Protein backbone atom coordinates (compact mmCIF):
# COMPACT_ATOMS: atom_id res chain seq x y z
CA MET A 1 24.29 -121.68 120.96
CA ALA A 2 24.63 -124.22 118.17
CA ASN A 3 25.25 -127.85 118.94
CA SER A 4 28.88 -128.74 118.49
CA SER A 5 29.78 -131.56 116.19
CA ARG A 6 32.78 -133.52 115.19
CA ILE A 7 33.81 -135.46 112.14
CA LEU A 8 33.84 -139.24 112.33
CA GLU A 9 35.66 -141.44 109.89
CA LEU A 10 33.58 -144.50 109.08
CA THR A 11 34.27 -147.42 106.79
CA ILE A 12 31.41 -148.94 104.80
CA LEU A 13 32.17 -151.65 102.24
CA GLU A 14 35.88 -150.90 102.47
CA ARG A 15 35.30 -147.24 101.60
CA GLU A 16 36.08 -144.37 103.98
CA TYR A 17 33.48 -141.70 104.76
CA ARG A 18 33.91 -138.55 106.82
CA ILE A 19 30.62 -137.71 108.50
CA ASN A 20 29.60 -134.78 110.71
CA CYS A 21 28.21 -136.07 113.98
CA PRO A 22 26.69 -134.21 116.93
CA GLU A 23 28.75 -134.59 120.07
CA GLY A 24 27.50 -137.43 122.20
CA ALA A 25 26.07 -139.38 119.26
CA GLU A 26 29.35 -140.86 118.06
CA GLU A 27 28.80 -144.40 119.30
CA LYS A 28 25.25 -144.56 117.94
CA LEU A 29 26.47 -143.41 114.54
CA ARG A 30 29.28 -145.99 114.62
CA GLU A 31 26.73 -148.70 115.48
CA ALA A 32 24.51 -147.55 112.60
CA ALA A 33 27.50 -147.63 110.23
CA ARG A 34 28.43 -151.15 111.39
CA TYR A 35 24.84 -152.30 110.88
CA LEU A 36 24.70 -150.74 107.40
CA ASN A 37 28.09 -152.22 106.51
CA ASP A 38 26.93 -155.68 107.61
CA LYS A 39 23.71 -155.43 105.58
CA MET A 40 25.53 -154.17 102.49
CA ALA A 41 28.16 -156.92 102.83
CA GLU A 42 25.37 -159.55 103.02
CA ILE A 43 23.80 -158.19 99.83
CA LYS A 44 27.16 -158.03 98.06
CA GLN A 45 27.95 -161.61 99.08
CA ALA A 46 24.49 -162.86 98.03
CA GLY A 47 24.93 -161.21 94.64
CA ALA A 48 28.38 -162.75 94.21
CA ALA A 49 27.06 -166.18 95.21
CA GLY A 50 24.46 -165.84 92.46
CA GLY A 51 27.13 -164.97 89.94
CA LYS A 52 26.26 -161.27 89.88
CA VAL A 53 28.54 -158.34 90.51
CA LEU A 54 26.48 -155.58 92.08
CA GLY A 55 27.65 -151.98 92.12
CA THR A 56 27.95 -150.13 95.40
CA ASP A 57 25.06 -147.80 94.50
CA ARG A 58 22.73 -150.74 93.86
CA ILE A 59 23.87 -152.47 97.06
CA ALA A 60 23.21 -149.26 99.02
CA VAL A 61 19.69 -148.88 97.58
CA ILE A 62 18.81 -152.51 98.30
CA ALA A 63 20.15 -152.18 101.85
CA ALA A 64 18.19 -148.95 102.36
CA LEU A 65 14.99 -150.60 101.12
CA ASN A 66 15.51 -153.61 103.38
CA ILE A 67 16.21 -151.46 106.42
CA THR A 68 13.23 -149.21 105.66
CA HIS A 69 11.01 -152.28 105.33
CA GLN A 70 12.23 -153.52 108.73
CA LEU A 71 11.53 -150.11 110.24
CA HIS A 72 7.98 -150.05 108.86
CA GLU A 73 7.32 -153.56 110.21
CA LEU A 74 8.54 -152.51 113.66
CA GLN A 75 6.40 -149.36 113.56
CA ALA A 76 3.33 -151.43 112.62
CA GLU A 77 4.03 -153.86 115.46
CA GLN A 78 4.47 -150.95 117.87
CA SER A 79 1.22 -149.39 116.72
CA GLU A 80 -0.60 -152.69 117.15
CA THR A 81 0.92 -153.18 120.61
CA SER A 82 -0.08 -149.64 121.61
CA GLY A 83 -3.65 -150.34 120.53
CA GLU A 84 -3.72 -153.57 122.53
CA LEU A 85 -2.33 -151.79 125.60
CA ALA A 86 -4.97 -149.06 125.30
CA ARG A 87 -7.68 -151.74 125.08
CA LEU A 88 -6.30 -153.54 128.14
CA ASP A 89 -6.06 -150.25 130.04
CA SER A 90 -9.71 -149.58 129.23
CA LEU A 91 -10.72 -153.05 130.46
CA VAL A 92 -8.80 -152.54 133.71
CA GLU A 93 -10.46 -149.15 134.22
CA GLU A 94 -13.91 -150.70 133.66
CA ALA A 95 -13.15 -153.50 136.10
CA LEU A 96 -11.96 -151.01 138.73
CA GLU A 97 -15.09 -148.90 138.27
CA GLN A 98 -17.32 -151.97 138.65
CA ASP A 99 -15.40 -153.02 141.78
CA LEU A 100 -15.78 -149.51 143.22
CA GLN A 101 -19.53 -149.60 142.51
CA LEU A 102 -19.84 -152.99 144.26
CA GLU A 103 -18.17 -151.61 147.40
CA LEU A 104 -20.68 -148.75 147.62
């Protein structure tokens, strides 16, 4: 049986979009749209403050690049944290083995 979906109407930079959304994911998609709208509005405002009028396509690409960069940074941090946790787990295991050997 296929997953059912519904159509959400989202507004990004004052433009309406109708998007298919799997049932149960509506709020997450709305949150993502709000986040994207906020990022695009920041870029649009920064461009206007600098005396530039940026087109929606350019704003969208810059926002996508910024969000992708943030994602990659978070993934790198997560990978580093996972490596540190594995190292700590190994140290704990070694300490427990040494403690067990001392008891014998």
